[in-house]
Amino acid sequence: MKKKILITGSNGFLGQLAINYYTKEYDLVLIDITDSSHENFYKVDISNYNEIDKIIEKEKPSIILHFAAEIFDTLNKEKIYKTNVLGSLNLYKSAINNNVDNFIFTSTFSLFEKDYDHLINELEPISCKNYYGITKAEAERFLLSSNSEINLSIFRCPVIVEKSRVHRLGVLFEFLKDDCTLWILGDGLNRIQFVSALDLFNAIDKSLIKKGKNVYNIGCDKVETMKETFEFLINKTESRSKIRHFNKPLGIFLLKVLSFFKLINFIDYHHKILVSNIVLDISRAKKDLNFVPKKSTAELLLEAHNYYIENTNNIQKGSAINPKMGFFKVIKLLSKII
């Protein structure tokens, strides 16, 4: 008899991939705040404890994969708190009451918001000021401080990339496709880590035999600099794009001005991605879970690029939607002639 997994955020990018990954080995219970035609799906707001508890009591899952979250660019702080904190606590409370074996919580490297000159391990003090990171940190604290005996694994994830996830990455891919200049703020020696969704699922699988409460950083083992990543993409895609450097303080100022006038969406998260050095130390996951990432940061981007080029007209939903270029059309035009 198959074990049963409950997946929150089942309509999202990660949830959809999880359905495909786990459907053969497990019976699935799917919940999301938006409608779905999937079998055994419940439309529910996880901030409503009574509704969540009814579902978990009825379905009796062995494992809960909690992927649902309001992301960093959601403007409604109350909505972020209700989902990321209250919703997480509701799920965990119901999991305890209904004897769920394993509770998996996906956290984020957005807990860290400085420019680090070292790898960030699981004991690094949280430094975030963004509300998304703050709510994830609060949920972590509650989960880890509980005296329940449920097996808990928290995965701190960097940017999750899979070939079907385009969204904002599509802006970069459009520049490459049309041989436009790729701009780097500063020297481009900063590193931002990615992780494959399939590598995350593999780590989750291996964590299911772990007892007690555990926190794991995961991500690519090889993390190229911003400049190395752009050079790799240009070479592998045979693009005629050139790399040019722009003064970092001036570039950030101009991006904030454009964001102020709502010409682009540029928040602290994007600032961090462009200029900060944030790489998680994954040695604990490698040791405890035999976690072996299959691709580097640049290789994951190349795979996503190739999928984007091959499926431009068919990318239609969620994080896989074609990017809205907006004011980037202007920047792209200037970058083509400079």
C-alpha atoms as a PDB file:
ATOM      1  CA  MET A   1       0.000   0.000   0.000  1.00  0.00           C
ATOM      2  CA  LYS A   2       1.385   3.397  -0.999  1.00  0.00           C
ATOM      3  CA  LYS A   3       2.137   6.020   1.612  1.00  0.00           C
ATOM      4  CA  LYS A   4       0.277   9.290   1.279  1.00  0.00           C
ATOM      5  CA  ILE A   5       1.905  12.691   0.774  1.00  0.00           C
ATOM      6  CA  LEU A   6       0.126  16.005   1.248  1.00  0.00           C
ATOM      7  CA  ILE A   7       1.595  18.802  -0.898  1.00  0.00           C
ATOM      8  CA  THR A   8       0.783  22.432  -0.136  1.00  0.00           C
ATOM      9  CA  GLY A   9       1.080  25.031  -2.875  1.00  0.00           C
ATOM     10  CA  SER A  10       0.340  22.286  -5.401  1.00  0.00           C
ATOM     11  CA  ASN A  11      -0.513  24.756  -8.184  1.00  0.00           C
ATOM     12  CA  GLY A  12       2.813  26.569  -7.923  1.00  0.00           C
ATOM     13  CA  PHE A  13       6.022  25.952  -9.817  1.00  0.00           C
ATOM     14  CA  LEU A  14       7.492  23.664  -7.151  1.00  0.00           C
ATOM     15  CA  GLY A  15       4.168  21.980  -6.397  1.00  0.00           C
ATOM     16  CA  GLN A  16       3.593  21.043 -10.030  1.00  0.00           C
ATOM     17  CA  LEU A  17       7.059  19.528 -10.308  1.00  0.00           C
ATOM     18  CA  ALA A  18       6.491  17.651  -7.031  1.00  0.00           C
ATOM     19  CA  ILE A  19       3.275  16.122  -8.400  1.00  0.00           C
ATOM     20  CA  ASN A  20       5.153  14.699 -11.378  1.00  0.00           C
ATOM     21  CA  TYR A  21       8.031  13.517  -9.177  1.00  0.00           C
ATOM     22  CA  TYR A  22       6.013  11.792  -6.426  1.00  0.00           C
ATOM     23  CA  THR A  23       2.909  10.532  -8.221  1.00  0.00           C
ATOM     24  CA  LYS A  24       4.280   7.040  -8.990  1.00  0.00           C
ATOM     25  CA  GLU A  25       5.524   6.212  -5.501  1.00  0.00           C
ATOM     26  CA  TYR A  26       2.866   7.881  -3.344  1.00  0.00           C
ATOM     27  CA  ASP A  27      -0.821   8.670  -3.164  1.00  0.00           C
ATOM     28  CA  LEU A  28      -1.095  12.456  -3.338  1.00  0.00           C
ATOM     29  CA  VAL A  29      -3.273  14.937  -1.479  1.00  0.00           C
ATOM     30  CA  LEU A  30      -3.035  18.385  -3.054  1.00  0.00           C
ATOM     31  CA  ILE A  31      -3.989  21.720  -1.558  1.00  0.00           C
ATOM     32  CA  ASP A  32      -3.757  25.254  -2.870  1.00  0.00           C
ATOM     33  CA  ILE A  33      -5.577  28.541  -2.518  1.00  0.00           C
ATOM     34  CA  THR A  34      -6.446  28.540  -6.250  1.00  0.00           C
ATOM     35  CA  ASP A  35      -8.548  26.049  -8.215  1.00  0.00           C
ATOM     36  CA  SER A  36      -7.200  22.917  -9.852  1.00  0.00           C
ATOM     37  CA  SER A  37      -8.577  19.986 -11.842  1.00  0.00           C
ATOM     38  CA  HIS A  38      -6.146  17.522 -10.241  1.00  0.00           C
ATOM     39  CA  GLU A  39      -7.525  14.452  -8.538  1.00  0.00           C
ATOM     40  CA  ASN A  40      -7.793  14.570  -4.746  1.00  0.00           C
ATOM     41  CA  PHE A  41      -7.368  18.353  -4.679  1.00  0.00           C
ATOM     42  CA  TYR A  42      -8.674  20.713  -2.007  1.00  0.00           C
ATOM     43  CA  LYS A  43      -9.019  24.449  -2.482  1.00  0.00           C
ATOM     44  CA  VAL A  44      -8.194  25.882   0.936  1.00  0.00           C
ATOM     45  CA  ASP A  45      -6.429  28.784   2.625  1.00  0.00           C
ATOM     46  CA  ILE A  46      -3.868  27.291   5.002  1.00  0.00           C
ATOM     47  CA  SER A  47      -4.378  30.213   7.400  1.00  0.00           C
ATOM     48  CA  ASN A  48      -7.762  28.589   8.230  1.00  0.00           C
ATOM     49  CA  TYR A  49      -6.854  25.975  10.833  1.00  0.00           C
ATOM     50  CA  ASN A  50     -10.243  24.254  11.011  1.00  0.00           C
ATOM     51  CA  GLU A  51     -10.351  23.624   7.266  1.00  0.00           C
ATOM     52  CA  ILE A  52      -6.774  22.384   7.150  1.00  0.00           C
ATOM     53  CA  ASP A  53      -7.280  20.098  10.146  1.00  0.00           C
ATOM     54  CA  LYS A  54     -10.393  18.539   8.578  1.00  0.00           C
ATOM     55  CA  ILE A  55      -8.435  17.641   5.450  1.00  0.00           C
ATOM     56  CA  ILE A  56      -5.467  16.184   7.307  1.00  0.00           C
ATOM     57  CA  GLU A  57      -7.741  14.257   9.699  1.00  0.00           C
ATOM     58  CA  LYS A  58      -9.679  12.838   6.742  1.00  0.00           C
ATOM     59  CA  GLU A  59      -6.730  12.014   4.460  1.00  0.00           C
ATOM     60  CA  LYS A  60      -4.229  10.927   7.122  1.00  0.00           C
ATOM     61  CA  PRO A  61      -1.018  11.631   5.141  1.00  0.00           C
ATOM     62  CA  SER A  62       2.261  10.144   6.338  1.00  0.00           C
ATOM     63  CA  ILE A  63       4.266  13.063   4.952  1.00  0.00           C
ATOM     64  CA  ILE A  64       3.552  16.761   4.490  1.00  0.00           C
ATOM     65  CA  LEU A  65       5.586  18.722   1.954  1.00  0.00           C
ATOM     66  CA  HIS A  66       4.945  22.354   2.800  1.00  0.00           C
ATOM     67  CA  PHE A  67       5.792  24.388  -0.302  1.00  0.00           C
ATOM     68  CA  ALA A  68       3.061  27.050  -0.107  1.00  0.00           C
ATOM     69  CA  ALA A  69       4.360  30.583   0.513  1.00  0.00           C
ATOM     70  CA  GLU A  70       3.741  34.191  -0.374  1.00  0.00           C
ATOM     71  CA  ILE A  71       6.913  35.302  -2.090  1.00  0.00           C
ATOM     72  CA  PHE A  72       9.216  38.284  -1.666  1.00  0.00           C
ATOM     73  CA  ASP A  73       7.462  40.678  -4.051  1.00  0.00           C
ATOM     74  CA  THR A  74       3.996  40.311  -2.531  1.00  0.00           C
ATOM     75  CA  LEU A  75       3.122  43.800  -1.279  1.00  0.00           C
ATOM     76  CA  ASN A  76       0.475  42.795   1.272  1.00  0.00           C
ATOM     77  CA  LYS A  77       2.356  42.093   4.523  1.00  0.00           C
ATOM     78  CA  GLU A  78      -0.730  40.724   6.234  1.00  0.00           C
ATOM     79  CA  LYS A  79      -1.160  38.198   3.432  1.00  0.00           C
ATOM     80  CA  ILE A  80       2.520  37.184   3.663  1.00  0.00           C
ATOM     81  CA  TYR A  81       2.254  36.684   7.430  1.00  0.00           C
ATOM     82  CA  LYS A  82      -0.995  34.701   7.236  1.00  0.00           C
ATOM     83  CA  THR A  83       0.457  32.261   4.711  1.00  0.00           C
ATOM     84  CA  ASN A  84       4.122  32.021   5.689  1.00  0.00           C
ATOM     85  CA  VAL A  85       3.741  32.061   9.469  1.00  0.00           C
ATOM     86  CA  LEU A  86       0.163  31.324  10.506  1.00  0.00           C
ATOM     87  CA  GLY A  87      -0.382  28.833   7.686  1.00  0.00           C
ATOM     88  CA  SER A  88       2.838  26.984   8.529  1.00  0.00           C
ATOM     89  CA  LEU A  89       1.914  26.815  12.220  1.00  0.00           C
ATOM     90  CA  ASN A  90      -1.572  25.528  11.378  1.00  0.00           C
ATOM     91  CA  LEU A  91      -0.180  22.754   9.218  1.00  0.00           C
ATOM     92  CA  TYR A  92       2.374  21.741  11.821  1.00  0.00           C
ATOM     93  CA  LYS A  93      -0.161  21.768  14.655  1.00  0.00           C
ATOM     94  CA  SER A  94      -2.542  19.582  12.646  1.00  0.00           C
ATOM     95  CA  ALA A  95       0.317  17.285  11.613  1.00  0.00           C
ATOM     96  CA  ILE A  96       1.113  16.697  15.297  1.00  0.00           C
ATOM     97  CA  ASN A  97      -2.530  16.113  16.218  1.00  0.00           C
ATOM     98  CA  ASN A  98      -2.982  13.620  13.369  1.00  0.00           C
ATOM     99  CA  ASN A  99       0.270  11.672  13.854  1.00  0.00           C
ATOM    100  CA  VAL A 100       1.970  12.637  10.603  1.00  0.00           C
ATOM    101  CA  ASP A 101       5.407  10.997  10.397  1.00  0.00           C
ATOM    102  CA  ASN A 102       7.405  13.653   8.489  1.00  0.00           C
ATOM    103  CA  PHE A 103       6.965  17.387   8.067  1.00  0.00           C
ATOM    104  CA  ILE A 104       9.102  19.042   5.357  1.00  0.00           C
ATOM    105  CA  PHE A 105       9.395  22.838   5.346  1.00  0.00           C
ATOM    106  CA  THR A 106      11.060  24.747   2.523  1.00  0.00           C
ATOM    107  CA  SER A 107      12.823  27.825   3.848  1.00  0.00           C
ATOM    108  CA  THR A 108      15.071  30.256   1.978  1.00  0.00           C
ATOM    109  CA  PHE A 109      18.493  31.841   1.646  1.00  0.00           C
ATOM    110  CA  SER A 110      16.606  35.140   1.857  1.00  0.00           C
ATOM    111  CA  LEU A 111      17.210  34.772   5.614  1.00  0.00           C
ATOM    112  CA  PHE A 112      20.588  36.281   4.775  1.00  0.00           C
ATOM    113  CA  GLU A 113      20.926  39.730   3.298  1.00  0.00           C
ATOM    114  CA  LYS A 114      24.541  40.838   3.561  1.00  0.00           C
ATOM    115  CA  ASP A 115      27.477  40.551   1.202  1.00  0.00           C
ATOM    116  CA  TYR A 116      29.255  37.505   2.672  1.00  0.00           C
ATOM    117  CA  ASP A 117      32.942  36.722   2.306  1.00  0.00           C
ATOM    118  CA  HIS A 118      32.414  33.135   3.536  1.00  0.00           C
ATOM    119  CA  LEU A 119      30.090  30.193   3.040  1.00  0.00           C
ATOM    120  CA  ILE A 120      26.926  30.472   5.121  1.00  0.00           C
ATOM    121  CA  ASN A 121      26.349  27.448   7.352  1.00  0.00           C
ATOM    122  CA  GLU A 122      23.209  26.497   9.283  1.00  0.00           C
ATOM    123  CA  LEU A 123      24.411  28.368  12.410  1.00  0.00           C
ATOM    124  CA  GLU A 124      24.903  31.730  10.658  1.00  0.00           C
ATOM    125  CA  PRO A 125      22.891  34.506  12.393  1.00  0.00           C
ATOM    126  CA  ILE A 126      19.901  35.603  10.335  1.00  0.00           C
ATOM    127  CA  SER A 127      20.476  39.040   8.799  1.00  0.00           C
ATOM    128  CA  CYS A 128      17.442  39.660   6.587  1.00  0.00           C
ATOM    129  CA  LYS A 129      15.347  42.805   6.519  1.00  0.00           C
ATOM    130  CA  ASN A 130      12.978  41.699   3.747  1.00  0.00           C
ATOM    131  CA  TYR A 131       9.577  40.671   5.099  1.00  0.00           C
ATOM    132  CA  TYR A 132       9.527  37.379   3.201  1.00  0.00           C
ATOM    133  CA  GLY A 133      12.751  36.283   4.911  1.00  0.00           C
ATOM    134  CA  ILE A 134      11.541  37.541   8.285  1.00  0.00           C
ATOM    135  CA  THR A 135       8.353  35.444   8.070  1.00  0.00           C
ATOM    136  CA  LYS A 136      10.281  32.349   7.014  1.00  0.00           C
ATOM    137  CA  ALA A 137      12.652  32.859   9.953  1.00  0.00           C
ATOM    138  CA  GLU A 138       9.719  33.176  12.354  1.00  0.00           C
ATOM    139  CA  ALA A 139       8.181  29.955  11.051  1.00  0.00           C
ATOM    140  CA  GLU A 140      11.548  28.206  11.426  1.00  0.00           C
ATOM    141  CA  ARG A 141      11.860  29.345  15.039  1.00  0.00           C
ATOM    142  CA  PHE A 142       8.432  27.996  15.944  1.00  0.00           C
ATOM    143  CA  LEU A 143       8.976  24.654  14.233  1.00  0.00           C
ATOM    144  CA  LEU A 144      12.386  24.117  15.839  1.00  0.00           C
ATOM    145  CA  SER A 145      11.231  25.161  19.298  1.00  0.00           C
ATOM    146  CA  SER A 146       8.299  22.731  19.377  1.00  0.00           C
ATOM    147  CA  ASN A 147       8.660  19.782  21.748  1.00  0.00           C
ATOM    148  CA  SER A 148       6.698  17.451  19.460  1.00  0.00           C
ATOM    149  CA  GLU A 149       8.218  14.165  18.291  1.00  0.00           C
ATOM    150  CA  ILE A 150       7.272  14.602  14.644  1.00  0.00           C
ATOM    151  CA  ASN A 151      10.263  14.272  12.309  1.00  0.00           C
ATOM    152  CA  LEU A 152      11.000  17.722  10.889  1.00  0.00           C
ATOM    153  CA  SER A 153      13.367  18.660   8.073  1.00  0.00           C
ATOM    154  CA  ILE A 154      13.861  22.303   7.089  1.00  0.00           C
ATOM    155  CA  PHE A 155      15.528  22.941   3.741  1.00  0.00           C
ATOM    156  CA  ARG A 156      17.049  26.363   3.233  1.00  0.00           C
ATOM    157  CA  CYS A 157      16.945  26.822  -0.512  1.00  0.00           C
ATOM    158  CA  PRO A 158      18.654  29.406  -2.719  1.00  0.00           C
ATOM    159  CA  VAL A 159      17.019  30.347  -6.034  1.00  0.00           C
ATOM    160  CA  ILE A 160      15.182  27.214  -7.203  1.00  0.00           C
ATOM    161  CA  VAL A 161      15.688  26.663 -10.916  1.00  0.00           C
ATOM    162  CA  GLU A 162      14.391  24.003 -13.242  1.00  0.00           C
ATOM    163  CA  LYS A 163      14.301  24.036 -17.011  1.00  0.00           C
ATOM    164  CA  SER A 164      10.598  24.923 -17.112  1.00  0.00           C
ATOM    165  CA  ARG A 165      10.968  27.906 -14.766  1.00  0.00           C
ATOM    166  CA  VAL A 166      11.361  31.013 -16.881  1.00  0.00           C
ATOM    167  CA  HIS A 167       9.596  34.096 -15.550  1.00  0.00           C
ATOM    168  CA  ARG A 168      12.250  36.756 -14.783  1.00  0.00           C
ATOM    169  CA  LEU A 169      15.055  34.624 -16.192  1.00  0.00           C
ATOM    170  CA  GLY A 170      13.377  35.099 -19.544  1.00  0.00           C
ATOM    171  CA  VAL A 171      14.578  38.708 -19.596  1.00  0.00           C
ATOM    172  CA  LEU A 172      18.186  37.485 -19.589  1.00  0.00           C
ATOM    173  CA  PHE A 173      17.372  34.870 -22.227  1.00  0.00           C
ATOM    174  CA  GLU A 174      15.786  37.489 -24.484  1.00  0.00           C
ATOM    175  CA  PHE A 175      18.954  39.602 -24.280  1.00  0.00           C
ATOM    176  CA  LEU A 176      21.063  36.561 -25.197  1.00  0.00           C
ATOM    177  CA  LYS A 177      18.775  35.557 -28.054  1.00  0.00           C
ATOM    178  CA  ASP A 178      18.996  38.980 -29.691  1.00  0.00           C
ATOM    179  CA  ASP A 179      22.737  39.450 -29.072  1.00  0.00           C
ATOM    180  CA  CYS A 180      22.253  42.399 -26.715  1.00  0.00           C
ATOM    181  CA  THR A 181      24.827  43.673 -24.238  1.00  0.00           C
ATOM    182  CA  LEU A 182      24.688  41.932 -20.873  1.00  0.00           C
ATOM    183  CA  TRP A 183      25.230  44.501 -18.132  1.00  0.00           C
ATOM    184  CA  ILE A 184      27.006  43.693 -14.881  1.00  0.00           C
ATOM    185  CA  LEU A 185      26.947  46.046 -11.920  1.00  0.00           C
ATOM    186  CA  GLY A 186      30.474  46.304 -10.555  1.00  0.00           C
ATOM    187  CA  ASP A 187      33.151  43.699 -11.237  1.00  0.00           C
ATOM    188  CA  GLY A 188      30.749  40.734 -11.473  1.00  0.00           C
ATOM    189  CA  LEU A 189      32.762  38.622  -9.028  1.00  0.00           C
ATOM    190  CA  ASN A 190      29.790  38.034  -6.711  1.00  0.00           C
ATOM    191  CA  ARG A 191      28.249  34.578  -6.512  1.00  0.00           C
ATOM    192  CA  ILE A 192      24.557  33.744  -6.109  1.00  0.00           C
ATOM    193  CA  GLN A 193      23.656  30.115  -5.599  1.00  0.00           C
ATOM    194  CA  PHE A 194      20.892  28.145  -7.333  1.00  0.00           C
ATOM    195  CA  VAL A 195      19.451  24.702  -6.700  1.00  0.00           C
ATOM    196  CA  SER A 196      17.668  22.288  -8.993  1.00  0.00           C
ATOM    197  CA  ALA A 197      14.122  21.376  -7.941  1.00  0.00           C
ATOM    198  CA  LEU A 198      14.946  17.734  -8.671  1.00  0.00           C
ATOM    199  CA  ASP A 199      17.987  17.935  -6.387  1.00  0.00           C
ATOM    200  CA  LEU A 200      15.701  19.340  -3.681  1.00  0.00           C
ATOM    201  CA  PHE A 201      13.269  16.426  -4.085  1.00  0.00           C
ATOM    202  CA  ASN A 202      16.164  13.975  -3.913  1.00  0.00           C
ATOM    203  CA  ALA A 203      17.336  15.563  -0.651  1.00  0.00           C
ATOM    204  CA  ILE A 204      13.783  15.411   0.730  1.00  0.00           C
ATOM    205  CA  ASP A 205      13.585  11.700  -0.101  1.00  0.00           C
ATOM    206  CA  LYS A 206      16.768  11.008   1.825  1.00  0.00           C
ATOM    207  CA  SER A 207      15.640  13.106   4.801  1.00  0.00           C
ATOM    208  CA  LEU A 208      12.554  10.963   5.386  1.00  0.00           C
ATOM    209  CA  ILE A 209      14.578   8.411   7.352  1.00  0.00           C
ATOM    210  CA  LYS A 210      16.066  11.083   9.629  1.00  0.00           C
ATOM    211  CA  LYS A 211      14.710  11.378  13.150  1.00  0.00           C
ATOM    212  CA  GLY A 212      14.130  14.550  15.134  1.00  0.00           C
ATOM    213  CA  LYS A 213      14.557  18.107  13.880  1.00  0.00           C
ATOM    214  CA  ASN A 214      17.082  18.944  11.185  1.00  0.00           C
ATOM    215  CA  VAL A 215      18.043  22.024   9.185  1.00  0.00           C
ATOM    216  CA  TYR A 216      19.838  21.638   5.877  1.00  0.00           C
ATOM    217  CA  ASN A 217      21.307  24.154   3.469  1.00  0.00           C
ATOM    218  CA  ILE A 218      21.074  22.926  -0.102  1.00  0.00           C
ATOM    219  CA  GLY A 219      22.248  24.340  -3.419  1.00  0.00           C
ATOM    220  CA  CYS A 220      24.674  23.837  -6.259  1.00  0.00           C
ATOM    221  CA  ASP A 221      28.126  22.711  -5.205  1.00  0.00           C
ATOM    222  CA  LYS A 222      29.790  24.718  -7.967  1.00  0.00           C
ATOM    223  CA  VAL A 223      28.703  28.359  -7.983  1.00  0.00           C
ATOM    224  CA  GLU A 224      30.200  30.497 -10.734  1.00  0.00           C
ATOM    225  CA  THR A 225      30.595  34.261 -10.424  1.00  0.00           C
ATOM    226  CA  MET A 226      28.111  36.479 -12.230  1.00  0.00           C
ATOM    227  CA  LYS A 227      30.719  37.228 -14.884  1.00  0.00           C
ATOM    228  CA  GLU A 228      31.676  33.555 -15.312  1.00  0.00           C
ATOM    229  CA  THR A 229      28.000  32.631 -15.641  1.00  0.00           C
ATOM    230  CA  PHE A 230      27.392  35.206 -18.384  1.00  0.00           C
ATOM    231  CA  GLU A 231      30.547  34.131 -20.210  1.00  0.00           C
ATOM    232  CA  PHE A 232      29.439  30.488 -20.014  1.00  0.00           C
ATOM    233  CA  LEU A 233      25.967  31.285 -21.387  1.00  0.00           C
ATOM    234  CA  ILE A 234      27.327  33.413 -24.236  1.00  0.00           C
ATOM    235  CA  ASN A 235      29.752  30.668 -25.221  1.00  0.00           C
ATOM    236  CA  LYS A 236      27.302  27.758 -24.990  1.00  0.00           C
ATOM    237  CA  THR A 237      24.439  29.567 -26.758  1.00  0.00           C
ATOM    238  CA  GLU A 238      26.739  31.005 -29.445  1.00  0.00           C
ATOM    239  CA  SER A 239      25.273  34.424 -28.728  1.00  0.00           C
ATOM    240  CA  ARG A 240      27.099  37.513 -29.968  1.00  0.00           C
ATOM    241  CA  SER A 241      26.232  39.353 -26.756  1.00  0.00           C
ATOM    242  CA  LYS A 242      29.026  41.282 -25.054  1.00  0.00           C
ATOM    243  CA  ILE A 243      29.542  41.806 -21.348  1.00  0.00           C
ATOM    244  CA  ARG A 244      29.896  45.372 -20.142  1.00  0.00           C
ATOM    245  CA  HIS A 245      30.341  46.676 -16.616  1.00  0.00           C
ATOM    246  CA  PHE A 246      28.361  49.514 -15.096  1.00  0.00           C
ATOM    247  CA  ASN A 247      29.189  51.547 -12.018  1.00  0.00           C
ATOM    248  CA  LYS A 248      27.549  49.679  -9.138  1.00  0.00           C
ATOM    249  CA  PRO A 249      26.254  52.590  -6.963  1.00  0.00           C
ATOM    250  CA  LEU A 250      25.006  54.492 -10.005  1.00  0.00           C
ATOM    251  CA  GLY A 251      23.394  51.370 -11.458  1.00  0.00           C
ATOM    252  CA  ILE A 252      21.542  50.576  -8.221  1.00  0.00           C
ATOM    253  CA  PHE A 253      20.385  54.194  -7.968  1.00  0.00           C
ATOM    254  CA  LEU A 254      19.009  54.149 -11.531  1.00  0.00           C
ATOM    255  CA  LEU A 255      17.221  50.844 -10.971  1.00  0.00           C
ATOM    256  CA  LYS A 256      15.595  52.207  -7.810  1.00  0.00           C
ATOM    257  CA  VAL A 257      14.478  55.322  -9.702  1.00  0.00           C
ATOM    258  CA  LEU A 258      12.910  53.161 -12.425  1.00  0.00           C
ATOM    259  CA  SER A 259      11.232  51.076  -9.741  1.00  0.00           C
ATOM    260  CA  PHE A 260       9.945  54.209  -7.964  1.00  0.00           C
ATOM    261  CA  PHE A 261       8.172  55.225 -11.156  1.00  0.00           C
ATOM    262  CA  LYS A 262       6.921  51.623 -11.551  1.00  0.00           C
ATOM    263  CA  LEU A 263       8.776  51.126 -14.824  1.00  0.00           C
ATOM    264  CA  ILE A 264      10.417  47.970 -13.485  1.00  0.00           C
ATOM    265  CA  ASN A 265      10.029  45.783 -10.402  1.00  0.00           C
ATOM    266  CA  PHE A 266      13.219  46.194  -8.362  1.00  0.00           C
ATOM    267  CA  ILE A 267      13.143  45.308  -4.677  1.00  0.00           C
ATOM    268  CA  ASP A 268      15.786  44.394  -2.096  1.00  0.00           C
ATOM    269  CA  TYR A 269      15.751  40.781  -3.270  1.00  0.00           C
ATOM    270  CA  HIS A 270      16.761  41.796  -6.799  1.00  0.00           C
ATOM    271  CA  HIS A 271      19.417  44.123  -5.357  1.00  0.00           C
ATOM    272  CA  LYS A 272      20.887  41.161  -3.484  1.00  0.00           C
ATOM    273  CA  ILE A 273      20.848  38.907  -6.546  1.00  0.00           C
ATOM    274  CA  LEU A 274      22.666  41.479  -8.673  1.00  0.00           C
ATOM    275  CA  VAL A 275      25.527  42.524  -6.406  1.00  0.00           C
ATOM    276  CA  SER A 276      25.801  40.369  -3.259  1.00  0.00           C
ATOM    277  CA  ASN A 277      27.843  37.268  -2.553  1.00  0.00           C
ATOM    278  CA  ILE A 278      25.514  34.696  -0.950  1.00  0.00           C
ATOM    279  CA  VAL A 279      26.470  31.020  -1.069  1.00  0.00           C
ATOM    280  CA  LEU A 280      25.170  28.425   1.378  1.00  0.00           C
ATOM    281  CA  ASP A 281      27.504  25.831   2.883  1.00  0.00           C
ATOM    282  CA  ILE A 282      25.931  22.501   1.871  1.00  0.00           C
ATOM    283  CA  SER A 283      28.453  20.265   3.621  1.00  0.00           C
ATOM    284  CA  ARG A 284      25.953  19.064   6.236  1.00  0.00           C
ATOM    285  CA  ALA A 285      23.463  17.921   3.591  1.00  0.00           C
ATOM    286  CA  LYS A 286      26.286  16.246   1.701  1.00  0.00           C
ATOM    287  CA  LYS A 287      27.359  14.367   4.833  1.00  0.00           C
ATOM    288  CA  ASP A 288      23.957  13.494   6.353  1.00  0.00           C
ATOM    289  CA  LEU A 289      21.927  12.975   3.181  1.00  0.00           C
ATOM    290  CA  ASN A 290      24.615  12.101   0.655  1.00  0.00           C
ATOM    291  CA  PHE A 291      23.396  15.162  -1.220  1.00  0.00           C
ATOM    292  CA  VAL A 292      25.179  15.435  -4.567  1.00  0.00           C
ATOM    293  CA  PRO A 293      23.999  18.315  -6.806  1.00  0.00           C
ATOM    294  CA  LYS A 294      24.092  17.277 -10.450  1.00  0.00           C
ATOM    295  CA  LYS A 295      24.698  20.645 -12.119  1.00  0.00           C
ATOM    296  CA  SER A 296      26.436  23.952 -11.437  1.00  0.00           C
ATOM    297  CA  THR A 297      24.656  27.295 -11.287  1.00  0.00           C
ATOM    298  CA  ALA A 298      25.643  28.145 -14.867  1.00  0.00           C
ATOM    299  CA  GLU A 299      24.599  24.703 -16.142  1.00  0.00           C
ATOM    300  CA  LEU A 300      21.142  25.074 -14.586  1.00  0.00           C
ATOM    301  CA  LEU A 301      20.718  28.432 -16.310  1.00  0.00           C
ATOM    302  CA  LEU A 302      21.817  26.978 -19.636  1.00  0.00           C
ATOM    303  CA  GLU A 303      19.273  24.165 -19.323  1.00  0.00           C
ATOM    304  CA  ALA A 304      16.539  26.710 -18.544  1.00  0.00           C
ATOM    305  CA  HIS A 305      17.667  28.870 -21.482  1.00  0.00           C
ATOM    306  CA  ASN A 306      17.501  25.976 -23.935  1.00  0.00           C
ATOM    307  CA  TYR A 307      14.032  25.006 -22.740  1.00  0.00           C
ATOM    308  CA  TYR A 308      12.897  28.612 -23.052  1.00  0.00           C
ATOM    309  CA  ILE A 309      14.131  28.929 -26.640  1.00  0.00           C
ATOM    310  CA  GLU A 310      12.534  25.617 -27.631  1.00  0.00           C
ATOM    311  CA  ASN A 311       9.176  26.357 -25.945  1.00  0.00           C
ATOM    312  CA  THR A 312       8.754  30.132 -26.135  1.00  0.00           C
ATOM    313  CA  ASN A 313       5.245  29.898 -27.591  1.00  0.00           C
ATOM    314  CA  ASN A 314       4.080  27.210 -25.180  1.00  0.00           C
ATOM    315  CA  ILE A 315       5.161  28.672 -21.819  1.00  0.00           C
ATOM    316  CA  GLN A 316       1.912  29.829 -20.313  1.00  0.00           C
ATOM    317  CA  LYS A 317       1.440  29.446 -16.570  1.00  0.00           C
ATOM    318  CA  GLY A 318       2.926  30.194 -13.179  1.00  0.00           C
ATOM    319  CA  SER A 319       6.655  30.746 -12.886  1.00  0.00           C
ATOM    320  CA  ALA A 320       7.044  29.280 -16.374  1.00  0.00           C
ATOM    321  CA  ILE A 321       5.239  32.180 -18.014  1.00  0.00           C
ATOM    322  CA  ASN A 322       6.985  34.250 -20.669  1.00  0.00           C
ATOM    323  CA  PRO A 323       8.400  37.427 -19.085  1.00  0.00           C
ATOM    324  CA  LYS A 324       6.673  40.757 -19.389  1.00  0.00           C
ATOM    325  CA  MET A 325       9.501  42.834 -20.761  1.00  0.00           C
ATOM    326  CA  GLY A 326       7.910  46.218 -20.053  1.00  0.00           C
ATOM    327  CA  PHE A 327      10.597  48.890 -19.726  1.00  0.00           C
ATOM    328  CA  PHE A 328      13.219  46.215 -20.361  1.00  0.00           C
ATOM    329  CA  LYS A 329      12.239  46.541 -24.030  1.00  0.00           C
ATOM    330  CA  VAL A 330      13.787  50.007 -23.930  1.00  0.00           C
ATOM    331  CA  ILE A 331      16.872  48.762 -22.095  1.00  0.00           C
ATOM    332  CA  LYS A 332      17.120  45.881 -24.549  1.00  0.00           C
ATOM    333  CA  LEU A 333      16.962  48.222 -27.540  1.00  0.00           C
ATOM    334  CA  LEU A 334      19.712  50.413 -26.101  1.00  0.00           C
ATOM    335  CA  SER A 335      21.746  47.305 -25.250  1.00  0.00           C
ATOM    336  CA  LYS A 336      21.500  46.087 -28.825  1.00  0.00           C
ATOM    337  CA  ILE A 337      23.073  49.218 -30.276  1.00  0.00           C
ATOM    338  CA  ILE A 338      25.648  49.943 -27.553  1.00  0.00           C
END
